[in-house]
Amino acid sequence: MITRPLDLESRLSSPPRDLDFVAWVNVGVIVLFFALFGSPSVLLPGVPVGVAESGAIELPSVGATSGSAGAASVVVSYRRDNVILFDGGMYSLADLRKQMEGYVKKHPGAVMLVRADRQVSMQAFLDLCGMARSVGFASVLVAAETPGPDTPAK
């Protein structure tokens, strides 16, 4: 090696064996973020809609029960009537039932997050909630987005 003729290896200092104070602070901050974002105090991205066996739509309540719905397992984007994006595919409402049954068999107790567009009628949304109840989803979350500054409001 190049260091042997000048005996430079003897003058090298050994690397430190412990972590710095700053490294421990970084580890603590990372653990704190994981603990906070994994806790139920972080708001869910939607409002839970009850899909009880009685068939009635249950109104959401504000408080501890809204955080107990769990995180969404699958996101359904409902663009307009009969255009539904579910689990990587585009389906109509009639074709969606078979896909939802397969998903619930793989993931029992799944929670569905519905991102509905303004072009979706309320009856189509209620049909989707009824289908989710009959297939076996634990609950349905409804997400809404505010229109951006470049989107004209109707």
C-alpha atoms as a PDB file:
ATOM      1  CA  MET A   1       0.000   0.000   0.000  1.00  0.00           C
ATOM      2  CA  ILE A   2       0.947   3.599  -0.319  1.00  0.00           C
ATOM      3  CA  THR A   3       0.864   4.269   3.455  1.00  0.00           C
ATOM      4  CA  ARG A   4       3.394   1.606   4.436  1.00  0.00           C
ATOM      5  CA  PRO A   5       6.629   3.341   3.411  1.00  0.00           C
ATOM      6  CA  LEU A   6       5.806   6.450   5.449  1.00  0.00           C
ATOM      7  CA  ASP A   7       4.093   4.571   8.304  1.00  0.00           C
ATOM      8  CA  LEU A   8       0.966   6.751   8.011  1.00  0.00           C
ATOM      9  CA  GLU A   9      -1.329   4.110   9.481  1.00  0.00           C
ATOM     10  CA  SER A  10       0.115   4.692  12.937  1.00  0.00           C
ATOM     11  CA  ARG A  11      -0.830   8.377  12.803  1.00  0.00           C
ATOM     12  CA  LEU A  12      -4.529   7.763  11.923  1.00  0.00           C
ATOM     13  CA  SER A  13      -7.055   8.233  14.713  1.00  0.00           C
ATOM     14  CA  SER A  14      -9.648   5.548  15.303  1.00  0.00           C
ATOM     15  CA  PRO A  15     -13.248   6.328  14.283  1.00  0.00           C
ATOM     16  CA  PRO A  16     -15.627   7.315  17.093  1.00  0.00           C
ATOM     17  CA  ARG A  17     -17.603   4.413  18.541  1.00  0.00           C
ATOM     18  CA  ASP A  18     -20.717   6.210  19.774  1.00  0.00           C
ATOM     19  CA  LEU A  19     -23.312   8.417  18.117  1.00  0.00           C
ATOM     20  CA  ASP A  20     -23.293  12.177  18.514  1.00  0.00           C
ATOM     21  CA  PHE A  21     -25.924  14.044  20.473  1.00  0.00           C
ATOM     22  CA  VAL A  22     -27.377  15.372  17.194  1.00  0.00           C
ATOM     23  CA  ALA A  23     -27.791  11.838  15.848  1.00  0.00           C
ATOM     24  CA  TRP A  24     -29.759  10.843  18.955  1.00  0.00           C
ATOM     25  CA  VAL A  25     -31.957  13.925  18.557  1.00  0.00           C
ATOM     26  CA  ASN A  26     -32.655  12.938  14.933  1.00  0.00           C
ATOM     27  CA  VAL A  27     -33.597   9.420  15.989  1.00  0.00           C
ATOM     28  CA  GLY A  28     -35.915  10.829  18.661  1.00  0.00           C
ATOM     29  CA  VAL A  29     -37.630  13.181  16.197  1.00  0.00           C
ATOM     30  CA  ILE A  30     -38.168  10.345  13.703  1.00  0.00           C
ATOM     31  CA  VAL A  31     -39.699   8.139  16.403  1.00  0.00           C
ATOM     32  CA  LEU A  32     -41.907  11.046  17.481  1.00  0.00           C
ATOM     33  CA  PHE A  33     -43.206  11.559  13.932  1.00  0.00           C
ATOM     34  CA  PHE A  34     -43.980   7.868  13.507  1.00  0.00           C
ATOM     35  CA  ALA A  35     -45.804   7.847  16.843  1.00  0.00           C
ATOM     36  CA  LEU A  36     -47.841  10.956  15.990  1.00  0.00           C
ATOM     37  CA  PHE A  37     -48.819   9.948  12.473  1.00  0.00           C
ATOM     38  CA  GLY A  38     -49.731   6.449  13.566  1.00  0.00           C
ATOM     39  CA  SER A  39     -51.978   7.634  16.370  1.00  0.00           C
ATOM     40  CA  PRO A  40     -55.734   8.127  16.125  1.00  0.00           C
ATOM     41  CA  SER A  41     -55.296  11.839  16.840  1.00  0.00           C
ATOM     42  CA  VAL A  42     -54.377  12.400  13.176  1.00  0.00           C
ATOM     43  CA  LEU A  43     -57.549  13.184  11.266  1.00  0.00           C
ATOM     44  CA  LEU A  44     -58.836  10.763   8.680  1.00  0.00           C
ATOM     45  CA  PRO A  45     -59.055  11.979   5.093  1.00  0.00           C
ATOM     46  CA  GLY A  46     -62.822  11.552   4.993  1.00  0.00           C
ATOM     47  CA  VAL A  47     -66.088  11.504   6.899  1.00  0.00           C
ATOM     48  CA  PRO A  48     -67.313   8.048   7.945  1.00  0.00           C
ATOM     49  CA  VAL A  49     -70.667   6.944   6.580  1.00  0.00           C
ATOM     50  CA  GLY A  50     -72.372   4.084   8.377  1.00  0.00           C
ATOM     51  CA  VAL A  51     -73.282   1.079   6.284  1.00  0.00           C
ATOM     52  CA  ALA A  52     -75.286  -0.738   8.952  1.00  0.00           C
ATOM     53  CA  GLU A  53     -77.405  -3.789   8.274  1.00  0.00           C
ATOM     54  CA  SER A  54     -80.590  -1.767   8.738  1.00  0.00           C
ATOM     55  CA  GLY A  55     -79.904  -0.004   5.444  1.00  0.00           C
ATOM     56  CA  ALA A  56     -80.103   3.473   6.942  1.00  0.00           C
ATOM     57  CA  ILE A  57     -77.322   5.958   6.356  1.00  0.00           C
ATOM     58  CA  GLU A  58     -75.907   6.934   9.735  1.00  0.00           C
ATOM     59  CA  LEU A  59     -74.832  10.527  10.213  1.00  0.00           C
ATOM     60  CA  PRO A  60     -71.212  10.994  11.291  1.00  0.00           C
ATOM     61  CA  SER A  61     -70.546  12.242  14.773  1.00  0.00           C
ATOM     62  CA  VAL A  62     -67.732  14.505  15.819  1.00  0.00           C
ATOM     63  CA  GLY A  63     -65.582  13.107  18.594  1.00  0.00           C
ATOM     64  CA  ALA A  64     -63.758   9.905  19.371  1.00  0.00           C
ATOM     65  CA  THR A  65     -65.957   7.748  17.148  1.00  0.00           C
ATOM     66  CA  SER A  66     -64.879   9.515  13.964  1.00  0.00           C
ATOM     67  CA  GLY A  67     -61.283   8.461  14.531  1.00  0.00           C
ATOM     68  CA  SER A  68     -62.202   4.862  15.255  1.00  0.00           C
ATOM     69  CA  ALA A  69     -63.191   4.077  11.674  1.00  0.00           C
ATOM     70  CA  GLY A  70     -59.630   3.115  10.839  1.00  0.00           C
ATOM     71  CA  ALA A  71     -57.458   4.021   7.942  1.00  0.00           C
ATOM     72  CA  ALA A  72     -58.757   3.481   4.443  1.00  0.00           C
ATOM     73  CA  SER A  73     -57.843   0.147   2.906  1.00  0.00           C
ATOM     74  CA  VAL A  74     -58.834   0.981  -0.651  1.00  0.00           C
ATOM     75  CA  VAL A  75     -59.610   4.243  -2.426  1.00  0.00           C
ATOM     76  CA  VAL A  76     -62.481   4.399  -4.908  1.00  0.00           C
ATOM     77  CA  SER A  77     -62.509   7.385  -7.269  1.00  0.00           C
ATOM     78  CA  TYR A  78     -66.033   7.923  -8.567  1.00  0.00           C
ATOM     79  CA  ARG A  79     -65.568  10.260 -11.547  1.00  0.00           C
ATOM     80  CA  ARG A  80     -69.084  10.327 -12.957  1.00  0.00           C
ATOM     81  CA  ASP A  81     -71.961   7.887 -13.153  1.00  0.00           C
ATOM     82  CA  ASN A  82     -70.656   4.497 -14.367  1.00  0.00           C
ATOM     83  CA  VAL A  83     -66.967   5.538 -14.326  1.00  0.00           C
ATOM     84  CA  ILE A  84     -65.360   4.149 -11.169  1.00  0.00           C
ATOM     85  CA  LEU A  85     -61.643   3.697 -10.517  1.00  0.00           C
ATOM     86  CA  PHE A  86     -61.100   0.835  -8.061  1.00  0.00           C
ATOM     87  CA  ASP A  87     -57.884  -1.017  -7.192  1.00  0.00           C
ATOM     88  CA  GLY A  88     -56.063  -0.124 -10.412  1.00  0.00           C
ATOM     89  CA  GLY A  89     -58.937  -0.674 -12.851  1.00  0.00           C
ATOM     90  CA  MET A  90     -61.836   1.279 -14.380  1.00  0.00           C
ATOM     91  CA  TYR A  91     -65.275  -0.265 -13.892  1.00  0.00           C
ATOM     92  CA  SER A  92     -68.946   0.524 -14.236  1.00  0.00           C
ATOM     93  CA  LEU A  93     -71.197   0.121 -11.210  1.00  0.00           C
ATOM     94  CA  ALA A  94     -72.465  -3.239 -12.512  1.00  0.00           C
ATOM     95  CA  ASP A  95     -68.953  -4.644 -13.031  1.00  0.00           C
ATOM     96  CA  LEU A  96     -67.622  -3.330  -9.738  1.00  0.00           C
ATOM     97  CA  ARG A  97     -69.452  -5.811  -7.500  1.00  0.00           C
ATOM     98  CA  LYS A  98     -67.308  -8.806  -8.492  1.00  0.00           C
ATOM     99  CA  GLN A  99     -64.084  -6.830  -7.949  1.00  0.00           C
ATOM    100  CA  MET A 100     -65.254  -5.613  -4.546  1.00  0.00           C
ATOM    101  CA  GLU A 101     -66.168  -9.154  -3.445  1.00  0.00           C
ATOM    102  CA  GLY A 102     -62.694 -10.365  -4.402  1.00  0.00           C
ATOM    103  CA  TYR A 103     -61.081  -7.517  -2.499  1.00  0.00           C
ATOM    104  CA  VAL A 104     -63.121  -8.123   0.663  1.00  0.00           C
ATOM    105  CA  LYS A 105     -62.238 -11.848   0.573  1.00  0.00           C
ATOM    106  CA  LYS A 106     -58.536 -10.948   0.535  1.00  0.00           C
ATOM    107  CA  HIS A 107     -58.881  -8.120   3.098  1.00  0.00           C
ATOM    108  CA  PRO A 108     -61.645  -8.824   5.659  1.00  0.00           C
ATOM    109  CA  GLY A 109     -62.772  -5.771   7.612  1.00  0.00           C
ATOM    110  CA  ALA A 110     -61.593  -3.403   4.875  1.00  0.00           C
ATOM    111  CA  VAL A 111     -62.513   0.290   4.888  1.00  0.00           C
ATOM    112  CA  MET A 112     -63.365   2.009   1.602  1.00  0.00           C
ATOM    113  CA  LEU A 113     -62.587   5.699   0.943  1.00  0.00           C
ATOM    114  CA  VAL A 114     -64.801   7.189  -1.774  1.00  0.00           C
ATOM    115  CA  ARG A 115     -63.570  10.262  -3.635  1.00  0.00           C
ATOM    116  CA  ALA A 116     -66.666  11.344  -5.514  1.00  0.00           C
ATOM    117  CA  ASP A 117     -66.691  13.978  -8.225  1.00  0.00           C
ATOM    118  CA  ARG A 118     -69.418  16.605  -8.372  1.00  0.00           C
ATOM    119  CA  GLN A 119     -70.858  14.903 -11.465  1.00  0.00           C
ATOM    120  CA  VAL A 120     -71.835  11.820  -9.438  1.00  0.00           C
ATOM    121  CA  SER A 121     -75.473  11.798  -8.450  1.00  0.00           C
ATOM    122  CA  MET A 122     -76.480  11.171  -4.857  1.00  0.00           C
ATOM    123  CA  GLN A 123     -78.404   8.069  -5.881  1.00  0.00           C
ATOM    124  CA  ALA A 124     -75.295   6.608  -7.535  1.00  0.00           C
ATOM    125  CA  PHE A 125     -73.300   7.289  -4.378  1.00  0.00           C
ATOM    126  CA  LEU A 126     -75.969   5.631  -2.218  1.00  0.00           C
ATOM    127  CA  ASP A 127     -75.985   2.637  -4.558  1.00  0.00           C
ATOM    128  CA  LEU A 128     -72.222   2.333  -4.100  1.00  0.00           C
ATOM    129  CA  CYS A 129     -72.614   2.504  -0.294  1.00  0.00           C
ATOM    130  CA  GLY A 130     -75.317  -0.161  -0.434  1.00  0.00           C
ATOM    131  CA  MET A 131     -73.091  -2.368  -2.543  1.00  0.00           C
ATOM    132  CA  ALA A 132     -70.223  -1.886  -0.097  1.00  0.00           C
ATOM    133  CA  ARG A 133     -72.500  -2.955   2.767  1.00  0.00           C
ATOM    134  CA  SER A 134     -73.751  -6.041   0.967  1.00  0.00           C
ATOM    135  CA  VAL A 135     -70.253  -7.093  -0.110  1.00  0.00           C
ATOM    136  CA  GLY A 136     -68.838  -6.810   3.417  1.00  0.00           C
ATOM    137  CA  PHE A 137     -66.854  -3.583   3.803  1.00  0.00           C
ATOM    138  CA  ALA A 138     -66.585  -2.524   7.456  1.00  0.00           C
ATOM    139  CA  SER A 139     -67.253   1.148   6.725  1.00  0.00           C
ATOM    140  CA  VAL A 140     -67.157   3.771   4.017  1.00  0.00           C
ATOM    141  CA  LEU A 141     -65.332   7.100   4.239  1.00  0.00           C
ATOM    142  CA  VAL A 142     -66.347  10.021   2.063  1.00  0.00           C
ATOM    143  CA  ALA A 143     -63.679  12.468   0.937  1.00  0.00           C
ATOM    144  CA  ALA A 144     -64.301  15.824  -0.665  1.00  0.00           C
ATOM    145  CA  GLU A 145     -61.850  18.238  -2.187  1.00  0.00           C
ATOM    146  CA  THR A 146     -62.323  21.958  -2.413  1.00  0.00           C
ATOM    147  CA  PRO A 147     -62.043  23.282  -5.951  1.00  0.00           C
ATOM    148  CA  GLY A 148     -58.738  24.922  -6.769  1.00  0.00           C
ATOM    149  CA  PRO A 149     -58.372  28.558  -7.857  1.00  0.00           C
ATOM    150  CA  ASP A 150     -58.304  27.583 -11.536  1.00  0.00           C
ATOM    151  CA  THR A 151     -61.397  25.341 -11.279  1.00  0.00           C
ATOM    152  CA  PRO A 152     -64.665  27.187 -11.940  1.00  0.00           C
ATOM    153  CA  ALA A 153     -67.261  26.653  -9.217  1.00  0.00           C
ATOM    154  CA  LYS A 154     -70.803  25.850 -10.246  1.00  0.00           C
END
